[in-house]
Amino acid sequence: MEMKPQQDTLTIDPIAMQVVNRVAAGSRLDGQLAFQGGLLVQGEVAGRISIDGRLIVWKGGTIRGRIVVSGDCYLFGRLGAADGTLHDTELECRGTVYVAHSGVSAGSLLARRLQLYEGADLQGPFRTLKIDGTLPVLRHREVPPSA
């Protein structure tokens, strides 16, 4: 009997994750763009992009340019143009980047953490993003003895 290794599963529910913006399949946006409440990309988005919330690039979706994400990023589709260079696209994610088995990262990734799933295609460089170089300071407050 052959045993297959257990694989992690990445399940996404944009509604439960409160992702309120969507670029539908077949749609294209290009320019200086800002999204509040996350973004689900099923089509193509390019330019200088700011996302307050989570970014989900669905299978078949593409995002390219200079992208800053305040939350986590889930890559099932493509980061960077198929005919571009590794320096054409840079994603700065202040959370974790998850690259699924269908995900292709053909750009530069800067993130706090990176999670690759079996079959993920990481073609470009990855660097750890340090949001704040200091460690938290824990302060002990003395409680006066009760009388």
C-alpha atoms as a PDB file:
ATOM      1  CA  MET A   1       0.000   0.000   0.000  1.00  0.00           C
ATOM      2  CA  GLU A   2       1.456   3.343  -1.089  1.00  0.00           C
ATOM      3  CA  MET A   3       0.971   6.269   1.269  1.00  0.00           C
ATOM      4  CA  LYS A   4       0.881   9.796  -0.058  1.00  0.00           C
ATOM      5  CA  PRO A   5       2.237  12.594   2.102  1.00  0.00           C
ATOM      6  CA  GLN A   6      -0.406  14.859   3.598  1.00  0.00           C
ATOM      7  CA  GLN A   7      -0.554  18.249   1.914  1.00  0.00           C
ATOM      8  CA  ASP A   8      -1.600  21.542   3.391  1.00  0.00           C
ATOM      9  CA  THR A   9      -4.806  22.991   2.012  1.00  0.00           C
ATOM     10  CA  LEU A  10      -5.316  26.686   1.355  1.00  0.00           C
ATOM     11  CA  THR A  11      -9.005  27.601   1.352  1.00  0.00           C
ATOM     12  CA  ILE A  12     -10.140  31.135   0.598  1.00  0.00           C
ATOM     13  CA  ASP A  13     -13.545  32.713   1.231  1.00  0.00           C
ATOM     14  CA  PRO A  14     -13.404  36.382   0.116  1.00  0.00           C
ATOM     15  CA  ILE A  15     -16.783  37.172   1.697  1.00  0.00           C
ATOM     16  CA  ALA A  16     -15.853  35.778   5.113  1.00  0.00           C
ATOM     17  CA  MET A  17     -12.481  37.547   4.801  1.00  0.00           C
ATOM     18  CA  GLN A  18     -14.376  40.825   4.185  1.00  0.00           C
ATOM     19  CA  VAL A  19     -12.673  41.497   0.841  1.00  0.00           C
ATOM     20  CA  VAL A  20     -15.002  44.093  -0.682  1.00  0.00           C
ATOM     21  CA  ASN A  21     -13.326  45.013  -4.008  1.00  0.00           C
ATOM     22  CA  ARG A  22     -13.191  42.805  -7.099  1.00  0.00           C
ATOM     23  CA  VAL A  23     -11.716  43.003 -10.585  1.00  0.00           C
ATOM     24  CA  ALA A  24     -13.697  40.403 -12.538  1.00  0.00           C
ATOM     25  CA  ALA A  25     -12.287  37.982 -15.098  1.00  0.00           C
ATOM     26  CA  GLY A  26     -11.899  39.740 -18.448  1.00  0.00           C
ATOM     27  CA  SER A  27     -11.571  43.171 -16.802  1.00  0.00           C
ATOM     28  CA  ARG A  28      -8.417  45.309 -16.834  1.00  0.00           C
ATOM     29  CA  LEU A  29      -7.432  48.216 -14.600  1.00  0.00           C
ATOM     30  CA  ASP A  30      -4.256  50.242 -15.068  1.00  0.00           C
ATOM     31  CA  GLY A  31      -2.952  53.319 -13.275  1.00  0.00           C
ATOM     32  CA  GLN A  32      -2.477  54.669  -9.790  1.00  0.00           C
ATOM     33  CA  LEU A  33      -5.036  52.680  -7.801  1.00  0.00           C
ATOM     34  CA  ALA A  34      -6.031  52.515  -4.125  1.00  0.00           C
ATOM     35  CA  PHE A  35      -8.378  49.941  -2.618  1.00  0.00           C
ATOM     36  CA  GLN A  36      -9.887  50.056   0.882  1.00  0.00           C
ATOM     37  CA  GLY A  37     -11.158  46.733   2.233  1.00  0.00           C
ATOM     38  CA  GLY A  38      -8.948  44.343   0.255  1.00  0.00           C
ATOM     39  CA  LEU A  39      -8.990  43.232  -3.375  1.00  0.00           C
ATOM     40  CA  LEU A  40      -9.921  40.064  -5.273  1.00  0.00           C
ATOM     41  CA  VAL A  41      -8.232  39.968  -8.704  1.00  0.00           C
ATOM     42  CA  GLN A  42      -9.745  37.632 -11.285  1.00  0.00           C
ATOM     43  CA  GLY A  43      -8.815  39.830 -14.256  1.00  0.00           C
ATOM     44  CA  GLU A  44      -5.740  42.030 -14.697  1.00  0.00           C
ATOM     45  CA  VAL A  45      -4.552  44.942 -12.541  1.00  0.00           C
ATOM     46  CA  ALA A  46      -1.414  46.988 -13.256  1.00  0.00           C
ATOM     47  CA  GLY A  47       0.254  50.160 -12.029  1.00  0.00           C
ATOM     48  CA  ARG A  48       0.999  51.725  -8.653  1.00  0.00           C
ATOM     49  CA  ILE A  49      -1.407  49.892  -6.385  1.00  0.00           C
ATOM     50  CA  SER A  50      -2.165  50.378  -2.702  1.00  0.00           C
ATOM     51  CA  ILE A  51      -4.382  47.840  -0.943  1.00  0.00           C
ATOM     52  CA  ASP A  52      -5.639  48.389   2.590  1.00  0.00           C
ATOM     53  CA  GLY A  53      -6.589  44.834   3.537  1.00  0.00           C
ATOM     54  CA  ARG A  54      -5.994  41.453   1.944  1.00  0.00           C
ATOM     55  CA  LEU A  55      -5.015  40.779  -1.677  1.00  0.00           C
ATOM     56  CA  ILE A  56      -6.300  37.643  -3.386  1.00  0.00           C
ATOM     57  CA  VAL A  57      -5.038  36.948  -6.912  1.00  0.00           C
ATOM     58  CA  TRP A  58      -7.344  34.229  -8.206  1.00  0.00           C
ATOM     59  CA  LYS A  59      -6.317  31.539 -10.687  1.00  0.00           C
ATOM     60  CA  GLY A  60      -6.293  33.278 -14.079  1.00  0.00           C
ATOM     61  CA  GLY A  61      -5.807  36.695 -12.480  1.00  0.00           C
ATOM     62  CA  THR A  62      -2.676  38.856 -12.879  1.00  0.00           C
ATOM     63  CA  ILE A  63      -1.309  41.764 -10.896  1.00  0.00           C
ATOM     64  CA  ARG A  64       1.795  43.734 -11.855  1.00  0.00           C
ATOM     65  CA  GLY A  65       3.560  46.969 -11.067  1.00  0.00           C
ATOM     66  CA  ARG A  66       4.403  48.419  -7.642  1.00  0.00           C
ATOM     67  CA  ILE A  67       2.008  46.929  -5.108  1.00  0.00           C
ATOM     68  CA  VAL A  68       1.757  47.625  -1.364  1.00  0.00           C
ATOM     69  CA  VAL A  69      -0.565  45.413   0.702  1.00  0.00           C
ATOM     70  CA  SER A  70      -1.312  46.130   4.369  1.00  0.00           C
ATOM     71  CA  GLY A  71      -2.684  42.618   5.042  1.00  0.00           C
ATOM     72  CA  ASP A  72      -1.932  39.116   3.762  1.00  0.00           C
ATOM     73  CA  CYS A  73      -1.601  38.157   0.096  1.00  0.00           C
ATOM     74  CA  TYR A  74      -2.942  34.928  -1.443  1.00  0.00           C
ATOM     75  CA  LEU A  75      -1.465  34.097  -4.841  1.00  0.00           C
ATOM     76  CA  PHE A  76      -3.357  31.532  -6.919  1.00  0.00           C
ATOM     77  CA  GLY A  77      -2.754  33.440 -10.157  1.00  0.00           C
ATOM     78  CA  ARG A  78       0.207  35.454 -11.391  1.00  0.00           C
ATOM     79  CA  LEU A  79       2.358  38.217  -9.913  1.00  0.00           C
ATOM     80  CA  GLY A  80       4.199  40.004 -12.739  1.00  0.00           C
ATOM     81  CA  ALA A  81       3.742  39.991 -16.499  1.00  0.00           C
ATOM     82  CA  ALA A  82       4.507  36.816 -18.443  1.00  0.00           C
ATOM     83  CA  ASP A  83       6.769  38.804 -20.787  1.00  0.00           C
ATOM     84  CA  GLY A  84       8.216  41.125 -18.127  1.00  0.00           C
ATOM     85  CA  THR A  85      11.418  41.057 -16.112  1.00  0.00           C
ATOM     86  CA  LEU A  86      11.776  40.296 -12.413  1.00  0.00           C
ATOM     87  CA  HIS A  87      12.198  44.028 -11.733  1.00  0.00           C
ATOM     88  CA  ASP A  88       8.973  45.119 -13.475  1.00  0.00           C
ATOM     89  CA  THR A  89       6.863  44.038 -10.507  1.00  0.00           C
ATOM     90  CA  GLU A  90       7.470  44.484  -6.794  1.00  0.00           C
ATOM     91  CA  LEU A  91       5.021  43.404  -4.117  1.00  0.00           C
ATOM     92  CA  GLU A  92       5.453  44.695  -0.571  1.00  0.00           C
ATOM     93  CA  CYS A  93       3.207  42.745   1.797  1.00  0.00           C
ATOM     94  CA  ARG A  94       3.077  43.714   5.452  1.00  0.00           C
ATOM     95  CA  GLY A  95       1.588  40.318   6.299  1.00  0.00           C
ATOM     96  CA  THR A  96       2.178  36.819   4.927  1.00  0.00           C
ATOM     97  CA  VAL A  97       2.358  35.912   1.238  1.00  0.00           C
ATOM     98  CA  TYR A  98       0.793  32.517   0.491  1.00  0.00           C
ATOM     99  CA  VAL A  99       1.723  31.068  -2.915  1.00  0.00           C
ATOM    100  CA  ALA A 100      -0.604  28.199  -3.867  1.00  0.00           C
ATOM    101  CA  HIS A 101       0.179  25.295  -6.212  1.00  0.00           C
ATOM    102  CA  SER A 102      -1.214  27.308  -9.145  1.00  0.00           C
ATOM    103  CA  GLY A 103       0.513  30.559  -8.137  1.00  0.00           C
ATOM    104  CA  VAL A 104       3.382  32.111 -10.126  1.00  0.00           C
ATOM    105  CA  SER A 105       5.526  34.878  -8.671  1.00  0.00           C
ATOM    106  CA  ALA A 106       7.550  36.436 -11.491  1.00  0.00           C
ATOM    107  CA  GLY A 107       8.361  39.584  -9.554  1.00  0.00           C
ATOM    108  CA  SER A 108      10.156  40.681  -6.404  1.00  0.00           C
ATOM    109  CA  LEU A 109       8.471  39.806  -3.116  1.00  0.00           C
ATOM    110  CA  LEU A 110       9.010  41.692   0.122  1.00  0.00           C
ATOM    111  CA  ALA A 111       6.953  40.264   2.968  1.00  0.00           C
ATOM    112  CA  ARG A 112       7.002  39.613   6.677  1.00  0.00           C
ATOM    113  CA  ARG A 113       6.553  35.893   5.986  1.00  0.00           C
ATOM    114  CA  LEU A 114       6.289  33.555   2.986  1.00  0.00           C
ATOM    115  CA  GLN A 115       4.322  30.302   2.756  1.00  0.00           C
ATOM    116  CA  LEU A 116       4.854  28.153  -0.352  1.00  0.00           C
ATOM    117  CA  TYR A 117       2.601  25.223  -1.189  1.00  0.00           C
ATOM    118  CA  GLU A 118       3.668  22.207  -3.235  1.00  0.00           C
ATOM    119  CA  GLY A 119       3.808  23.212  -6.905  1.00  0.00           C
ATOM    120  CA  ALA A 120       4.168  26.965  -6.225  1.00  0.00           C
ATOM    121  CA  ASP A 121       6.373  28.743  -8.786  1.00  0.00           C
ATOM    122  CA  LEU A 122       8.639  31.347  -7.150  1.00  0.00           C
ATOM    123  CA  GLN A 123      10.722  32.821 -10.006  1.00  0.00           C
ATOM    124  CA  GLY A 124      11.751  36.134  -8.491  1.00  0.00           C
ATOM    125  CA  PRO A 125      13.644  37.134  -5.376  1.00  0.00           C
ATOM    126  CA  PHE A 126      12.139  37.189  -1.890  1.00  0.00           C
ATOM    127  CA  ARG A 127      13.235  39.404   0.996  1.00  0.00           C
ATOM    128  CA  THR A 128      12.040  39.662   4.547  1.00  0.00           C
ATOM    129  CA  LEU A 129      10.305  42.935   5.228  1.00  0.00           C
ATOM    130  CA  LYS A 130      11.090  44.496   8.571  1.00  0.00           C
ATOM    131  CA  ILE A 131       8.240  46.856   9.402  1.00  0.00           C
ATOM    132  CA  ASP A 132       9.832  48.095  12.605  1.00  0.00           C
ATOM    133  CA  GLY A 133      13.370  47.223  13.600  1.00  0.00           C
ATOM    134  CA  THR A 134      12.656  47.419  17.311  1.00  0.00           C
ATOM    135  CA  LEU A 135      11.406  44.735  19.636  1.00  0.00           C
ATOM    136  CA  PRO A 136       8.409  45.430  21.855  1.00  0.00           C
ATOM    137  CA  VAL A 137       9.232  46.594  25.343  1.00  0.00           C
ATOM    138  CA  LEU A 138       7.329  44.898  28.119  1.00  0.00           C
ATOM    139  CA  ARG A 139       6.867  47.085  31.139  1.00  0.00           C
ATOM    140  CA  HIS A 140       6.081  45.703  34.546  1.00  0.00           C
ATOM    141  CA  ARG A 141       3.798  47.863  36.618  1.00  0.00           C
ATOM    142  CA  GLU A 142       3.994  47.378  40.333  1.00  0.00           C
ATOM    143  CA  VAL A 143       0.676  46.989  42.050  1.00  0.00           C
ATOM    144  CA  PRO A 144       0.604  48.391  45.575  1.00  0.00           C
ATOM    145  CA  PRO A 145      -0.352  45.834  48.209  1.00  0.00           C
ATOM    146  CA  SER A 146      -3.976  46.081  49.257  1.00  0.00           C
ATOM    147  CA  ALA A 147      -4.587  47.390  52.728  1.00  0.00           C
END
